[in-house]
Amino acid sequence: MLCSYWLVDNLTAQARTDEAEDLYAALCSRVSPLGLMSEQINASTGEFMGNFPQAFSHIGIIASGVNLARARETEPS
């Protein structure tokens, strides 16, 4: 999960904000009903894998959200 959020950050840094937001939304839709994430998610089934809950995944969701918000604030209209 954390690596996927790094991809969001990379897309954001390349000014590919729409792509970054789409990926971010897809990742956010995979959190558990309690808002928790695992270390990995099976891409085929959506099943949580690895450590659960995983703090690094939660750090990623926060950091990427902040990066996206900052990018949108600085985009020309």
PDB file of N, CA and C in Angstrom:
ATOM      1  N   MET A   1       0.819  -1.191   0.000  1.00  0.00           N
ATOM      2  CA  MET A   1       0.000   0.000   0.000  1.00  0.00           C
ATOM      3  C   MET A   1       0.860   1.250   0.000  1.00  0.00           C
ATOM      4  N   LEU A   2       1.887   1.258   0.833  1.00  0.00           N
ATOM      5  CA  LEU A   2       2.720   2.452   0.901  1.00  0.00           C
ATOM      6  C   LEU A   2       3.339   2.765  -0.454  1.00  0.00           C
ATOM      7  N   CYS A   3       3.789   1.749  -1.151  1.00  0.00           N
ATOM      8  CA  CYS A   3       4.386   1.980  -2.477  1.00  0.00           C
ATOM      9  C   CYS A   3       3.363   2.558  -3.443  1.00  0.00           C
ATOM     10  N   SER A   4       2.121   2.173  -3.311  1.00  0.00           N
ATOM     11  CA  SER A   4       1.077   2.735  -4.169  1.00  0.00           C
ATOM     12  C   SER A   4       0.863   4.210  -3.868  1.00  0.00           C
ATOM     13  N   TYR A   5       0.957   4.578  -2.599  1.00  0.00           N
ATOM     14  CA  TYR A   5       0.857   5.999  -2.256  1.00  0.00           C
ATOM     15  C   TYR A   5       2.077   6.768  -2.756  1.00  0.00           C
ATOM     16  N   TRP A   6       3.232   6.127  -2.792  1.00  0.00           N
ATOM     17  CA  TRP A   6       4.410   6.766  -3.383  1.00  0.00           C
ATOM     18  C   TRP A   6       4.173   7.028  -4.866  1.00  0.00           C
ATOM     19  N   LEU A   7       3.465   6.125  -5.532  1.00  0.00           N
ATOM     20  CA  LEU A   7       3.121   6.347  -6.934  1.00  0.00           C
ATOM     21  C   LEU A   7       2.213   7.570  -7.066  1.00  0.00           C
ATOM     22  N   VAL A   8       1.265   7.709  -6.161  1.00  0.00           N
ATOM     23  CA  VAL A   8       0.410   8.906  -6.152  1.00  0.00           C
ATOM     24  C   VAL A   8       1.278  10.151  -6.026  1.00  0.00           C
ATOM     25  N   ASP A   9       2.237  10.114  -5.109  1.00  0.00           N
ATOM     26  CA  ASP A   9       3.128  11.264  -4.914  1.00  0.00           C
ATOM     27  C   ASP A   9       3.946  11.550  -6.170  1.00  0.00           C
ATOM     28  N   ASN A  10       4.411  10.498  -6.826  1.00  0.00           N
ATOM     29  CA  ASN A  10       5.195  10.664  -8.044  1.00  0.00           C
ATOM     30  C   ASN A  10       4.359  11.292  -9.148  1.00  0.00           C
ATOM     31  N   LEU A  11       3.147  10.814  -9.329  1.00  0.00           N
ATOM     32  CA  LEU A  11       2.258  11.393 -10.335  1.00  0.00           C
ATOM     33  C   LEU A  11       1.959  12.857 -10.018  1.00  0.00           C
ATOM     34  N   THR A  12       1.771  13.149  -8.751  1.00  0.00           N
ATOM     35  CA  THR A  12       1.517  14.524  -8.326  1.00  0.00           C
ATOM     36  C   THR A  12       2.711  15.416  -8.660  1.00  0.00           C
ATOM     37  N   ALA A  13       3.906  14.918  -8.377  1.00  0.00           N
ATOM     38  CA  ALA A  13       5.118  15.699  -8.644  1.00  0.00           C
ATOM     39  C   ALA A  13       5.316  15.951 -10.136  1.00  0.00           C
ATOM     40  N   GLN A  14       4.768  15.075 -10.973  1.00  0.00           N
ATOM     41  CA  GLN A  14       4.863  15.240 -12.424  1.00  0.00           C
ATOM     42  C   GLN A  14       3.722  16.088 -12.981  1.00  0.00           C
ATOM     43  N   ALA A  15       2.927  16.670 -12.100  1.00  0.00           N
ATOM     44  CA  ALA A  15       1.755  17.480 -12.476  1.00  0.00           C
ATOM     45  C   ALA A  15       0.703  16.649 -13.207  1.00  0.00           C
ATOM     46  N   ARG A  16       0.671  15.361 -12.931  1.00  0.00           N
ATOM     47  CA  ARG A  16      -0.363  14.469 -13.474  1.00  0.00           C
ATOM     48  C   ARG A  16      -1.414  14.272 -12.377  1.00  0.00           C
ATOM     49  N   THR A  17      -1.966  15.394 -11.937  1.00  0.00           N
ATOM     50  CA  THR A  17      -2.814  15.423 -10.758  1.00  0.00           C
ATOM     51  C   THR A  17      -4.108  14.634 -10.924  1.00  0.00           C
ATOM     52  N   ASP A  18      -4.698  14.670 -12.107  1.00  0.00           N
ATOM     53  CA  ASP A  18      -5.934  13.912 -12.318  1.00  0.00           C
ATOM     54  C   ASP A  18      -5.682  12.413 -12.149  1.00  0.00           C
ATOM     55  N   GLU A  19      -4.592  11.919 -12.717  1.00  0.00           N
ATOM     56  CA  GLU A  19      -4.240  10.511 -12.566  1.00  0.00           C
ATOM     57  C   GLU A  19      -3.960  10.181 -11.103  1.00  0.00           C
ATOM     58  N   ALA A  20      -3.245  11.079 -10.441  1.00  0.00           N
ATOM     59  CA  ALA A  20      -2.913  10.874  -9.033  1.00  0.00           C
ATOM     60  C   ALA A  20      -4.184  10.810  -8.189  1.00  0.00           C
ATOM     61  N   GLU A  21      -5.126  11.688  -8.467  1.00  0.00           N
ATOM     62  CA  GLU A  21      -6.378  11.693  -7.701  1.00  0.00           C
ATOM     63  C   GLU A  21      -7.198  10.438  -7.961  1.00  0.00           C
ATOM     64  N   ASP A  22      -7.210   9.964  -9.199  1.00  0.00           N
ATOM     65  CA  ASP A  22      -7.943   8.727  -9.502  1.00  0.00           C
ATOM     66  C   ASP A  22      -7.352   7.544  -8.739  1.00  0.00           C
ATOM     67  N   LEU A  23      -6.026   7.435  -8.746  1.00  0.00           N
ATOM     68  CA  LEU A  23      -5.370   6.343  -8.019  1.00  0.00           C
ATOM     69  C   LEU A  23      -5.605   6.488  -6.524  1.00  0.00           C
ATOM     70  N   TYR A  24      -5.487   7.703  -6.016  1.00  0.00           N
ATOM     71  CA  TYR A  24      -5.706   7.960  -4.583  1.00  0.00           C
ATOM     72  C   TYR A  24      -7.123   7.548  -4.175  1.00  0.00           C
ATOM     73  N   ALA A  25      -8.094   7.908  -4.982  1.00  0.00           N
ATOM     74  CA  ALA A  25      -9.483   7.543  -4.676  1.00  0.00           C
ATOM     75  C   ALA A  25      -9.665   6.032  -4.687  1.00  0.00           C
ATOM     76  N   ALA A  26      -9.039   5.360  -5.654  1.00  0.00           N
ATOM     77  CA  ALA A  26      -9.133   3.898  -5.717  1.00  0.00           C
ATOM     78  C   ALA A  26      -8.509   3.256  -4.485  1.00  0.00           C
ATOM     79  N   LEU A  27      -7.382   3.782  -4.053  1.00  0.00           N
ATOM     80  CA  LEU A  27      -6.722   3.245  -2.862  1.00  0.00           C
ATOM     81  C   LEU A  27      -7.554   3.513  -1.610  1.00  0.00           C
ATOM     82  N   CYS A  28      -8.097   4.708  -1.506  1.00  0.00           N
ATOM     83  CA  CYS A  28      -8.910   5.056  -0.343  1.00  0.00           C
ATOM     84  C   CYS A  28     -10.174   4.198  -0.252  1.00  0.00           C
ATOM     85  N   SER A  29     -10.677   3.769  -1.394  1.00  0.00           N
ATOM     86  CA  SER A  29     -11.898   2.952  -1.393  1.00  0.00           C
ATOM     87  C   SER A  29     -11.652   1.547  -0.849  1.00  0.00           C
ATOM     88  N   ARG A  30     -10.404   1.190  -0.670  1.00  0.00           N
ATOM     89  CA  ARG A  30     -10.066  -0.155  -0.201  1.00  0.00           C
ATOM     90  C   ARG A  30      -9.857  -0.266   1.299  1.00  0.00           C
ATOM     91  N   VAL A  31     -10.033   0.818   2.036  1.00  0.00           N
ATOM     92  CA  VAL A  31      -9.856   0.741   3.483  1.00  0.00           C
ATOM     93  C   VAL A  31     -10.988  -0.088   4.092  1.00  0.00           C
ATOM     94  N   SER A  32     -10.744  -0.641   5.272  1.00  0.00           N
ATOM     95  CA  SER A  32     -11.755  -1.449   5.954  1.00  0.00           C
ATOM     96  C   SER A  32     -12.877  -0.544   6.469  1.00  0.00           C
ATOM     97  N   PRO A  33     -13.979  -1.125   6.913  1.00  0.00           N
ATOM     98  CA  PRO A  33     -15.068  -0.310   7.463  1.00  0.00           C
ATOM     99  C   PRO A  33     -14.635   0.555   8.654  1.00  0.00           C
ATOM    100  N   LEU A  34     -13.554   0.153   9.331  1.00  0.00           N
ATOM    101  CA  LEU A  34     -13.048   0.945  10.454  1.00  0.00           C
ATOM    102  C   LEU A  34     -11.995   1.961  10.010  1.00  0.00           C
ATOM    103  N   GLY A  35     -11.719   2.027   8.698  1.00  0.00           N
ATOM    104  CA  GLY A  35     -10.733   2.962   8.185  1.00  0.00           C
ATOM    105  C   GLY A  35      -9.308   2.465   8.293  1.00  0.00           C
ATOM    106  N   LEU A  36      -9.136   1.167   8.457  1.00  0.00           N
ATOM    107  CA  LEU A  36      -7.803   0.589   8.598  1.00  0.00           C
ATOM    108  C   LEU A  36      -7.350  -0.032   7.286  1.00  0.00           C
ATOM    109  N   MET A  37      -6.024  -0.080   7.115  1.00  0.00           N
ATOM    110  CA  MET A  37      -5.437  -0.690   5.919  1.00  0.00           C
ATOM    111  C   MET A  37      -4.395  -1.710   6.316  1.00  0.00           C
ATOM    112  N   SER A  38      -4.192  -2.655   5.428  1.00  0.00           N
ATOM    113  CA  SER A  38      -3.157  -3.655   5.644  1.00  0.00           C
ATOM    114  C   SER A  38      -1.886  -3.230   4.934  1.00  0.00           C
ATOM    115  N   GLU A  39      -0.890  -4.081   5.043  1.00  0.00           N
ATOM    116  CA  GLU A  39       0.389  -3.831   4.387  1.00  0.00           C
ATOM    117  C   GLU A  39       0.258  -3.981   2.876  1.00  0.00           C
ATOM    118  N   GLN A  40      -0.534  -4.951   2.448  1.00  0.00           N
ATOM    119  CA  GLN A  40      -0.724  -5.241   1.025  1.00  0.00           C
ATOM    120  C   GLN A  40      -2.186  -5.581   0.769  1.00  0.00           C
ATOM    121  N   ILE A  41      -2.573  -5.459  -0.499  1.00  0.00           N
ATOM    122  CA  ILE A  41      -3.908  -5.880  -0.926  1.00  0.00           C
ATOM    123  C   ILE A  41      -3.743  -6.731  -2.167  1.00  0.00           C
ATOM    124  N   ASN A  42      -4.423  -7.853  -2.195  1.00  0.00           N
ATOM    125  CA  ASN A  42      -4.414  -8.707  -3.376  1.00  0.00           C
ATOM    126  C   ASN A  42      -5.154  -7.973  -4.485  1.00  0.00           C
ATOM    127  N   ALA A  43      -4.457  -7.693  -5.573  1.00  0.00           N
ATOM    128  CA  ALA A  43      -5.050  -6.910  -6.662  1.00  0.00           C
ATOM    129  C   ALA A  43      -6.238  -7.609  -7.312  1.00  0.00           C
ATOM    130  N   SER A  44      -6.245  -8.926  -7.313  1.00  0.00           N
ATOM    131  CA  SER A  44      -7.334  -9.677  -7.955  1.00  0.00           C
ATOM    132  C   SER A  44      -8.585  -9.745  -7.091  1.00  0.00           C
ATOM    133  N   THR A  45      -8.390  -9.978  -5.796  1.00  0.00           N
ATOM    134  CA  THR A  45      -9.536 -10.222  -4.921  1.00  0.00           C
ATOM    135  C   THR A  45      -9.865  -9.060  -3.991  1.00  0.00           C
ATOM    136  N   GLY A  46      -8.908  -8.140  -3.790  1.00  0.00           N
ATOM    137  CA  GLY A  46      -9.112  -7.059  -2.840  1.00  0.00           C
ATOM    138  C   GLY A  46      -8.887  -7.483  -1.400  1.00  0.00           C
ATOM    139  N   GLU A  47      -8.465  -8.731  -1.203  1.00  0.00           N
ATOM    140  CA  GLU A  47      -8.238  -9.266   0.140  1.00  0.00           C
ATOM    141  C   GLU A  47      -6.999  -8.621   0.772  1.00  0.00           C
ATOM    142  N   PHE A  48      -7.119  -8.291   2.054  1.00  0.00           N
ATOM    143  CA  PHE A  48      -5.980  -7.751   2.791  1.00  0.00           C
ATOM    144  C   PHE A  48      -4.933  -8.835   2.987  1.00  0.00           C
ATOM    145  N   MET A  49      -3.666  -8.443   2.845  1.00  0.00           N
ATOM    146  CA  MET A  49      -2.550  -9.369   3.042  1.00  0.00           C
ATOM    147  C   MET A  49      -1.500  -8.673   3.905  1.00  0.00           C
ATOM    148  N   GLY A  50      -0.673  -9.464   4.562  1.00  0.00           N
ATOM    149  CA  GLY A  50       0.407  -8.899   5.359  1.00  0.00           C
ATOM    150  C   GLY A  50      -0.093  -8.362   6.686  1.00  0.00           C
ATOM    151  N   ASN A  51       0.700  -7.501   7.280  1.00  0.00           N
ATOM    152  CA  ASN A  51       0.378  -6.944   8.597  1.00  0.00           C
ATOM    153  C   ASN A  51      -0.888  -6.106   8.536  1.00  0.00           C
ATOM    154  N   PHE A  52      -1.715  -6.252   9.562  1.00  0.00           N
ATOM    155  CA  PHE A  52      -2.966  -5.502   9.638  1.00  0.00           C
ATOM    156  C   PHE A  52      -3.234  -5.144  11.089  1.00  0.00           C
ATOM    157  N   PRO A  53      -3.473  -3.897  11.404  1.00  0.00           N
ATOM    158  CA  PRO A  53      -3.319  -2.727  10.548  1.00  0.00           C
ATOM    159  C   PRO A  53      -1.847  -2.358  10.386  1.00  0.00           C
ATOM    160  N   GLN A  54      -1.551  -1.638   9.327  1.00  0.00           N
ATOM    161  CA  GLN A  54      -0.180  -1.269   8.994  1.00  0.00           C
ATOM    162  C   GLN A  54      -0.048   0.248   9.063  1.00  0.00           C
ATOM    163  N   ALA A  55       0.746   0.722  10.006  1.00  0.00           N
ATOM    164  CA  ALA A  55       0.901   2.165  10.214  1.00  0.00           C
ATOM    165  C   ALA A  55       1.483   2.859   8.993  1.00  0.00           C
ATOM    166  N   PHE A  56       2.420   2.222   8.286  1.00  0.00           N
ATOM    167  CA  PHE A  56       3.030   2.868   7.126  1.00  0.00           C
ATOM    168  C   PHE A  56       1.994   3.153   6.037  1.00  0.00           C
ATOM    169  N   SER A  57       1.015   2.277   5.885  1.00  0.00           N
ATOM    170  CA  SER A  57      -0.051   2.526   4.909  1.00  0.00           C
ATOM    171  C   SER A  57      -0.843   3.770   5.292  1.00  0.00           C
ATOM    172  N   HIS A  58      -1.069   3.941   6.590  1.00  0.00           N
ATOM    173  CA  HIS A  58      -1.816   5.097   7.058  1.00  0.00           C
ATOM    174  C   HIS A  58      -1.011   6.381   6.896  1.00  0.00           C
ATOM    175  N   ILE A  59       0.287   6.296   7.093  1.00  0.00           N
ATOM    176  CA  ILE A  59       1.143   7.461   6.853  1.00  0.00           C
ATOM    177  C   ILE A  59       1.075   7.848   5.378  1.00  0.00           C
ATOM    178  N   GLY A  60       1.080   6.846   4.502  1.00  0.00           N
ATOM    179  CA  GLY A  60       1.009   7.104   3.062  1.00  0.00           C
ATOM    180  C   GLY A  60      -0.265   7.809   2.652  1.00  0.00           C
ATOM    181  N   ILE A  61      -1.391   7.371   3.186  1.00  0.00           N
ATOM    182  CA  ILE A  61      -2.666   7.983   2.804  1.00  0.00           C
ATOM    183  C   ILE A  61      -2.716   9.445   3.240  1.00  0.00           C
ATOM    184  N   ILE A  62      -2.159   9.738   4.407  1.00  0.00           N
ATOM    185  CA  ILE A  62      -2.145  11.118   4.899  1.00  0.00           C
ATOM    186  C   ILE A  62      -1.200  11.977   4.065  1.00  0.00           C
ATOM    187  N   ALA A  63       0.019  11.489   3.875  1.00  0.00           N
ATOM    188  CA  ALA A  63       1.019  12.269   3.132  1.00  0.00           C
ATOM    189  C   ALA A  63       0.565  12.532   1.702  1.00  0.00           C
ATOM    190  N   SER A  64       0.030  11.527   1.038  1.00  0.00           N
ATOM    191  CA  SER A  64      -0.411  11.707  -0.343  1.00  0.00           C
ATOM    192  C   SER A  64      -1.595  12.662  -0.428  1.00  0.00           C
ATOM    193  N   GLY A  65      -2.494  12.585   0.534  1.00  0.00           N
ATOM    194  CA  GLY A  65      -3.619  13.509   0.561  1.00  0.00           C
ATOM    195  C   GLY A  65      -3.162  14.953   0.709  1.00  0.00           C
ATOM    196  N   VAL A  66      -2.188  15.171   1.572  1.00  0.00           N
ATOM    197  CA  VAL A  66      -1.634  16.516   1.757  1.00  0.00           C
ATOM    198  C   VAL A  66      -0.949  16.978   0.481  1.00  0.00           C
ATOM    199  N   ASN A  67      -0.151  16.104  -0.130  1.00  0.00           N
ATOM    200  CA  ASN A  67       0.549  16.467  -1.369  1.00  0.00           C
ATOM    201  C   ASN A  67      -0.430  16.821  -2.489  1.00  0.00           C
ATOM    202  N   LEU A  68      -1.494  16.039  -2.609  1.00  0.00           N
ATOM    203  CA  LEU A  68      -2.503  16.335  -3.634  1.00  0.00           C
ATOM    204  C   LEU A  68      -3.189  17.671  -3.367  1.00  0.00           C
ATOM    205  N   ALA A  69      -3.530  17.928  -2.123  1.00  0.00           N
ATOM    206  CA  ALA A  69      -4.199  19.185  -1.786  1.00  0.00           C
ATOM    207  C   ALA A  69      -3.293  20.371  -2.093  1.00  0.00           C
ATOM    208  N   ARG A  70      -2.025  20.252  -1.740  1.00  0.00           N
ATOM    209  CA  ARG A  70      -1.083  21.338  -2.024  1.00  0.00           C
ATOM    210  C   ARG A  70      -0.920  21.551  -3.531  1.00  0.00           C
ATOM    211  N   ALA A  71      -0.877  20.449  -4.276  1.00  0.00           N
ATOM    212  CA  ALA A  71      -0.738  20.571  -5.729  1.00  0.00           C
ATOM    213  C   ALA A  71      -1.945  21.276  -6.330  1.00  0.00           C
ATOM    214  N   ARG A  72      -3.133  20.954  -5.862  1.00  0.00           N
ATOM    215  CA  ARG A  72      -4.337  21.603  -6.391  1.00  0.00           C
ATOM    216  C   ARG A  72      -4.374  23.085  -6.048  1.00  0.00           C
ATOM    217  N   GLU A  73      -3.853  23.444  -4.869  1.00  0.00           N
ATOM    218  CA  GLU A  73      -3.827  24.856  -4.465  1.00  0.00           C
ATOM    219  C   GLU A  73      -2.916  25.691  -5.360  1.00  0.00           C
ATOM    220  N   THR A  74      -1.843  25.082  -5.849  1.00  0.00           N
ATOM    221  CA  THR A  74      -0.852  25.832  -6.627  1.00  0.00           C
ATOM    222  C   THR A  74      -1.046  25.725  -8.129  1.00  0.00           C
ATOM    223  N   GLU A  75      -2.046  24.956  -8.564  1.00  0.00           N
ATOM    224  CA  GLU A  75      -2.300  24.832 -10.010  1.00  0.00           C
ATOM    225  C   GLU A  75      -2.865  26.137 -10.545  1.00  0.00           C
ATOM    226  N   PRO A  76      -2.425  26.499 -11.759  1.00  0.00           N
ATOM    227  CA  PRO A  76      -3.025  27.683 -12.383  1.00  0.00           C
ATOM    228  C   PRO A  76      -4.492  27.405 -12.734  1.00  0.00           C
ATOM    229  N   SER A  77      -5.306  28.411 -12.643  1.00  0.00           N
ATOM    230  CA  SER A  77      -6.740  28.246 -12.915  1.00  0.00           C
ATOM    231  C   SER A  77      -7.040  28.068 -14.368  1.00  0.00           C
TER     232      SER A  77
END
